[in-house]
Amino acid sequence: MKNIGQIMKQAQRMQETITELQANLDITEITGASGGGAVKVTLTGKGTAKSVKIDPSLADPEDVEVLEDLIVAAVNDARCCIEEKIKKEMSKVPGGLELPPGMSLPF
């Protein structure tokens, strides 16, 4: 069994990695798309909208509902991409933390 000092050092490194990943979410931009790329929405890793791009051919005043639906779908696509990226990055965090048998995170 590892001593508590080694476990605490590993936990501190893990916390530093998590803090770094959270900071990177502010500068990470993810784009979601719908309508075959006709509508694109870019969000930060924390979900803040940065931009919306719409193919001008979709701007039909007689059919606003389709455009609204495509915007919602693009936002949802971007959010799914963010969640996948976060899961991927977070899966790297606990890899180096060797806990004694029977212990798990969170404590």
N, C-alpha and C. Protein backbone atom coordinates (compact mmCIF):
# COMPACT_ATOMS: atom_id res chain seq x y z
N MET A 1 0.85 -1.18 0.00
CA MET A 1 0.00 0.00 0.00
C MET A 1 0.89 1.24 0.00
N LYS A 2 0.54 2.21 -0.83
CA LYS A 2 1.31 3.45 -0.90
C LYS A 2 1.07 4.26 0.37
N ASN A 3 2.06 5.08 0.70
CA ASN A 3 1.83 5.91 1.87
C ASN A 3 0.97 7.11 1.50
N ILE A 4 0.39 7.73 2.50
CA ILE A 4 -0.57 8.82 2.29
C ILE A 4 0.10 10.02 1.61
N GLY A 5 1.38 10.23 1.83
CA GLY A 5 2.09 11.33 1.19
C GLY A 5 2.12 11.18 -0.32
N GLN A 6 2.38 9.95 -0.79
CA GLN A 6 2.40 9.71 -2.23
C GLN A 6 1.01 9.89 -2.84
N ILE A 7 0.00 9.43 -2.13
CA ILE A 7 -1.38 9.57 -2.60
C ILE A 7 -1.75 11.06 -2.69
N MET A 8 -1.35 11.83 -1.69
CA MET A 8 -1.66 13.26 -1.69
C MET A 8 -0.95 13.98 -2.84
N LYS A 9 0.30 13.59 -3.14
CA LYS A 9 1.02 14.19 -4.27
C LYS A 9 0.32 13.88 -5.58
N GLN A 10 -0.12 12.64 -5.72
CA GLN A 10 -0.84 12.25 -6.93
C GLN A 10 -2.15 13.03 -7.05
N ALA A 11 -2.86 13.18 -5.94
CA ALA A 11 -4.12 13.92 -5.95
C ALA A 11 -3.87 15.39 -6.31
N GLN A 12 -2.78 15.96 -5.82
CA GLN A 12 -2.46 17.35 -6.14
C GLN A 12 -2.17 17.49 -7.64
N ARG A 13 -1.41 16.56 -8.20
CA ARG A 13 -1.13 16.60 -9.65
C ARG A 13 -2.43 16.47 -10.45
N MET A 14 -3.31 15.60 -9.98
CA MET A 14 -4.58 15.43 -10.65
C MET A 14 -5.40 16.72 -10.60
N GLN A 15 -5.41 17.38 -9.45
CA GLN A 15 -6.14 18.64 -9.32
C GLN A 15 -5.55 19.71 -10.23
N GLU A 16 -4.23 19.75 -10.36
CA GLU A 16 -3.58 20.72 -11.25
C GLU A 16 -3.98 20.44 -12.70
N THR A 17 -4.05 19.19 -13.07
CA THR A 17 -4.45 18.82 -14.43
C THR A 17 -5.88 19.23 -14.69
N ILE A 18 -6.77 18.99 -13.74
CA ILE A 18 -8.18 19.38 -13.89
C ILE A 18 -8.30 20.88 -14.02
N THR A 19 -7.57 21.63 -13.20
CA THR A 19 -7.60 23.10 -13.27
C THR A 19 -7.14 23.58 -14.64
N GLU A 20 -6.08 22.96 -15.17
CA GLU A 20 -5.58 23.32 -16.49
C GLU A 20 -6.61 23.02 -17.57
N LEU A 21 -7.26 21.86 -17.48
CA LEU A 21 -8.28 21.49 -18.46
C LEU A 21 -9.45 22.48 -18.42
N GLN A 22 -9.85 22.89 -17.23
CA GLN A 22 -10.95 23.85 -17.10
C GLN A 22 -10.57 25.20 -17.72
N ALA A 23 -9.34 25.63 -17.52
CA ALA A 23 -8.88 26.89 -18.11
C ALA A 23 -8.87 26.79 -19.63
N ASN A 24 -8.49 25.64 -20.15
CA ASN A 24 -8.46 25.45 -21.60
C ASN A 24 -9.85 25.48 -22.22
N LEU A 25 -10.89 25.16 -21.44
CA LEU A 25 -12.25 25.19 -21.96
C LEU A 25 -12.64 26.60 -22.37
N ASP A 26 -12.11 27.62 -21.69
CA ASP A 26 -12.43 29.00 -22.03
C ASP A 26 -11.92 29.38 -23.41
N ILE A 27 -10.79 28.81 -23.82
CA ILE A 27 -10.19 29.19 -25.10
C ILE A 27 -10.48 28.18 -26.21
N THR A 28 -11.05 27.05 -25.85
CA THR A 28 -11.40 26.03 -26.84
C THR A 28 -12.68 26.43 -27.54
N GLU A 29 -12.69 26.35 -28.86
CA GLU A 29 -13.89 26.62 -29.63
C GLU A 29 -14.28 25.37 -30.40
N ILE A 30 -15.58 25.04 -30.36
CA ILE A 30 -16.11 23.86 -31.02
C ILE A 30 -17.27 24.32 -31.91
N THR A 31 -17.29 23.83 -33.14
CA THR A 31 -18.35 24.21 -34.06
C THR A 31 -19.26 23.02 -34.31
N GLY A 32 -20.56 23.28 -34.18
CA GLY A 32 -21.57 22.29 -34.51
C GLY A 32 -22.26 22.73 -35.79
N ALA A 33 -22.79 21.78 -36.53
CA ALA A 33 -23.42 22.11 -37.81
C ALA A 33 -24.72 21.33 -37.99
N SER A 34 -25.57 21.88 -38.86
CA SER A 34 -26.79 21.19 -39.24
C SER A 34 -27.12 21.58 -40.68
N GLY A 35 -28.10 20.90 -41.24
CA GLY A 35 -28.49 21.20 -42.61
C GLY A 35 -27.36 20.99 -43.60
N GLY A 36 -26.56 19.96 -43.36
CA GLY A 36 -25.44 19.68 -44.25
C GLY A 36 -24.39 20.77 -44.23
N GLY A 37 -24.26 21.46 -43.10
CA GLY A 37 -23.27 22.52 -42.97
C GLY A 37 -23.81 23.89 -43.32
N ALA A 38 -25.10 23.99 -43.63
CA ALA A 38 -25.69 25.27 -43.99
C ALA A 38 -25.81 26.20 -42.78
N VAL A 39 -25.90 25.61 -41.59
CA VAL A 39 -25.92 26.39 -40.35
C VAL A 39 -24.80 25.87 -39.47
N LYS A 40 -23.95 26.80 -39.01
CA LYS A 40 -22.84 26.45 -38.12
C LYS A 40 -22.87 27.36 -36.91
N VAL A 41 -22.70 26.75 -35.74
CA VAL A 41 -22.67 27.50 -34.49
C VAL A 41 -21.37 27.14 -33.78
N THR A 42 -20.63 28.16 -33.35
CA THR A 42 -19.39 27.95 -32.63
C THR A 42 -19.59 28.36 -31.18
N LEU A 43 -19.23 27.44 -30.27
CA LEU A 43 -19.32 27.66 -28.83
C LEU A 43 -17.95 27.50 -28.21
N THR A 44 -17.74 28.13 -27.05
CA THR A 44 -16.54 27.85 -26.28
C THR A 44 -16.74 26.51 -25.60
N GLY A 45 -15.68 25.99 -25.02
CA GLY A 45 -15.77 24.72 -24.30
C GLY A 45 -16.69 24.79 -23.10
N LYS A 46 -17.01 26.00 -22.66
CA LYS A 46 -17.93 26.16 -21.53
C LYS A 46 -19.35 26.47 -21.99
N GLY A 47 -19.58 26.44 -23.33
CA GLY A 47 -20.93 26.60 -23.85
C GLY A 47 -21.33 28.01 -24.21
N THR A 48 -20.43 28.97 -24.16
CA THR A 48 -20.75 30.34 -24.54
C THR A 48 -20.73 30.45 -26.06
N ALA A 49 -21.79 31.01 -26.65
CA ALA A 49 -21.86 31.16 -28.09
C ALA A 49 -20.86 32.20 -28.57
N LYS A 50 -20.11 31.85 -29.61
CA LYS A 50 -19.12 32.76 -30.20
C LYS A 50 -19.58 33.27 -31.56
N SER A 51 -20.19 32.40 -32.37
CA SER A 51 -20.63 32.84 -33.69
C SER A 51 -21.69 31.90 -34.25
N VAL A 52 -22.47 32.46 -35.18
CA VAL A 52 -23.46 31.70 -35.93
C VAL A 52 -23.27 32.06 -37.40
N LYS A 53 -23.12 31.05 -38.24
CA LYS A 53 -22.98 31.25 -39.68
C LYS A 53 -24.16 30.56 -40.37
N ILE A 54 -24.84 31.31 -41.24
CA ILE A 54 -26.02 30.78 -41.93
C ILE A 54 -25.85 30.99 -43.42
N ASP A 55 -26.02 29.92 -44.18
CA ASP A 55 -25.98 30.02 -45.63
C ASP A 55 -27.12 30.96 -46.05
N PRO A 56 -26.83 32.00 -46.83
CA PRO A 56 -27.85 32.97 -47.23
C PRO A 56 -29.06 32.34 -47.94
N SER A 57 -28.88 31.20 -48.55
CA SER A 57 -30.00 30.56 -49.24
C SER A 57 -31.10 30.12 -48.27
N LEU A 58 -30.77 30.03 -46.99
CA LEU A 58 -31.76 29.61 -45.98
C LEU A 58 -32.61 30.78 -45.48
N ALA A 59 -32.24 31.99 -45.80
CA ALA A 59 -32.93 33.17 -45.28
C ALA A 59 -34.21 33.45 -46.07
N ASP A 60 -35.16 32.57 -45.91
CA ASP A 60 -36.45 32.71 -46.59
C ASP A 60 -37.47 33.20 -45.56
N PRO A 61 -37.94 34.46 -45.71
CA PRO A 61 -38.89 35.00 -44.74
C PRO A 61 -40.19 34.19 -44.64
N GLU A 62 -40.48 33.41 -45.67
CA GLU A 62 -41.69 32.60 -45.66
C GLU A 62 -41.51 31.28 -44.91
N ASP A 63 -40.27 30.93 -44.58
CA ASP A 63 -40.00 29.64 -43.94
C ASP A 63 -38.99 29.80 -42.81
N VAL A 64 -39.31 30.64 -41.86
CA VAL A 64 -38.41 30.92 -40.74
C VAL A 64 -38.27 29.72 -39.82
N GLU A 65 -39.29 28.89 -39.72
CA GLU A 65 -39.27 27.74 -38.82
C GLU A 65 -38.13 26.78 -39.14
N VAL A 66 -37.86 26.55 -40.41
CA VAL A 66 -36.78 25.64 -40.80
C VAL A 66 -35.45 26.20 -40.31
N LEU A 67 -35.23 27.49 -40.52
CA LEU A 67 -33.99 28.12 -40.07
C LEU A 67 -33.86 28.03 -38.55
N GLU A 68 -34.94 28.29 -37.84
CA GLU A 68 -34.90 28.18 -36.37
C GLU A 68 -34.55 26.77 -35.93
N ASP A 69 -35.14 25.78 -36.56
CA ASP A 69 -34.86 24.38 -36.22
C ASP A 69 -33.40 24.03 -36.51
N LEU A 70 -32.87 24.53 -37.62
CA LEU A 70 -31.48 24.25 -37.96
C LEU A 70 -30.51 24.90 -36.98
N ILE A 71 -30.84 26.08 -36.49
CA ILE A 71 -29.99 26.75 -35.50
C ILE A 71 -29.98 25.93 -34.21
N VAL A 72 -31.14 25.51 -33.76
CA VAL A 72 -31.22 24.69 -32.55
C VAL A 72 -30.42 23.40 -32.73
N ALA A 73 -30.56 22.77 -33.87
CA ALA A 73 -29.83 21.52 -34.12
C ALA A 73 -28.32 21.75 -34.14
N ALA A 74 -27.88 22.87 -34.70
CA ALA A 74 -26.44 23.17 -34.73
C ALA A 74 -25.90 23.43 -33.33
N VAL A 75 -26.67 24.15 -32.51
CA VAL A 75 -26.26 24.40 -31.12
C VAL A 75 -26.15 23.08 -30.37
N ASN A 76 -27.14 22.23 -30.53
CA ASN A 76 -27.12 20.94 -29.84
C ASN A 76 -25.95 20.07 -30.32
N ASP A 77 -25.64 20.14 -31.60
CA ASP A 77 -24.49 19.40 -32.13
C ASP A 77 -23.20 19.90 -31.49
N ALA A 78 -23.05 21.21 -31.40
CA ALA A 78 -21.84 21.78 -30.78
C ALA A 78 -21.74 21.37 -29.31
N ARG A 79 -22.85 21.39 -28.60
CA ARG A 79 -22.84 21.01 -27.18
C ARG A 79 -22.45 19.54 -27.02
N CYS A 80 -22.93 18.69 -27.90
CA CYS A 80 -22.54 17.27 -27.84
C CYS A 80 -21.05 17.12 -28.08
N CYS A 81 -20.51 17.89 -29.02
CA CYS A 81 -19.07 17.83 -29.29
C CYS A 81 -18.27 18.29 -28.09
N ILE A 82 -18.76 19.31 -27.39
CA ILE A 82 -18.09 19.80 -26.18
C ILE A 82 -18.07 18.70 -25.13
N GLU A 83 -19.23 18.06 -24.91
CA GLU A 83 -19.31 17.00 -23.91
C GLU A 83 -18.35 15.85 -24.23
N GLU A 84 -18.27 15.49 -25.50
CA GLU A 84 -17.35 14.42 -25.89
C GLU A 84 -15.90 14.82 -25.64
N LYS A 85 -15.56 16.06 -25.95
CA LYS A 85 -14.18 16.54 -25.73
C LYS A 85 -13.86 16.54 -24.24
N ILE A 86 -14.78 17.00 -23.41
CA ILE A 86 -14.56 17.03 -21.97
C ILE A 86 -14.36 15.62 -21.44
N LYS A 87 -15.21 14.68 -21.86
CA LYS A 87 -15.08 13.29 -21.41
C LYS A 87 -13.72 12.73 -21.81
N LYS A 88 -13.31 13.02 -23.04
CA LYS A 88 -12.03 12.52 -23.53
C LYS A 88 -10.87 13.07 -22.70
N GLU A 89 -10.90 14.37 -22.44
CA GLU A 89 -9.83 15.00 -21.68
C GLU A 89 -9.84 14.54 -20.22
N MET A 90 -11.01 14.41 -19.63
CA MET A 90 -11.11 14.01 -18.24
C MET A 90 -10.71 12.55 -18.05
N SER A 91 -10.86 11.74 -19.09
CA SER A 91 -10.47 10.33 -18.97
C SER A 91 -8.97 10.18 -18.77
N LYS A 92 -8.22 11.21 -19.15
CA LYS A 92 -6.77 11.19 -18.99
C LYS A 92 -6.35 11.50 -17.55
N VAL A 93 -7.20 12.17 -16.79
CA VAL A 93 -6.83 12.66 -15.47
C VAL A 93 -6.56 11.57 -14.46
N PRO A 94 -7.47 10.67 -14.17
CA PRO A 94 -7.22 9.72 -13.08
C PRO A 94 -6.24 8.62 -13.44
N GLY A 95 -5.75 8.58 -14.67
CA GLY A 95 -4.88 7.50 -15.12
C GLY A 95 -3.67 7.27 -14.25
N GLY A 96 -3.04 8.33 -13.73
CA GLY A 96 -1.82 8.17 -12.95
C GLY A 96 -2.05 8.02 -11.47
N LEU A 97 -3.27 8.13 -11.02
CA LEU A 97 -3.56 8.07 -9.59
C LEU A 97 -3.80 6.63 -9.18
N GLU A 98 -2.87 6.09 -8.42
CA GLU A 98 -2.99 4.71 -7.96
C GLU A 98 -3.51 4.72 -6.52
N LEU A 99 -4.76 4.37 -6.36
CA LEU A 99 -5.37 4.36 -5.04
C LEU A 99 -5.26 2.96 -4.43
N PRO A 100 -5.21 2.91 -3.10
CA PRO A 100 -5.18 1.61 -2.44
C PRO A 100 -6.46 0.83 -2.75
N PRO A 101 -6.42 -0.48 -2.66
CA PRO A 101 -7.60 -1.29 -2.90
C PRO A 101 -8.75 -0.84 -2.01
N GLY A 102 -9.94 -0.75 -2.60
CA GLY A 102 -11.12 -0.37 -1.86
C GLY A 102 -11.40 1.12 -1.87
N MET A 103 -10.43 1.95 -2.27
CA MET A 103 -10.65 3.39 -2.33
C MET A 103 -11.00 3.79 -3.76
N SER A 104 -11.87 4.79 -3.87
CA SER A 104 -12.22 5.30 -5.18
C SER A 104 -12.49 6.78 -5.08
N LEU A 105 -12.54 7.45 -6.21
CA LEU A 105 -12.84 8.89 -6.26
C LEU A 105 -14.32 9.06 -6.53
N PRO A 106 -14.98 10.06 -6.00
CA PRO A 106 -14.45 10.96 -4.97
C PRO A 106 -14.39 10.24 -3.63
N PHE A 107 -13.54 10.75 -2.76
CA PHE A 107 -13.29 10.11 -1.46
C PHE A 107 -14.51 10.10 -0.60
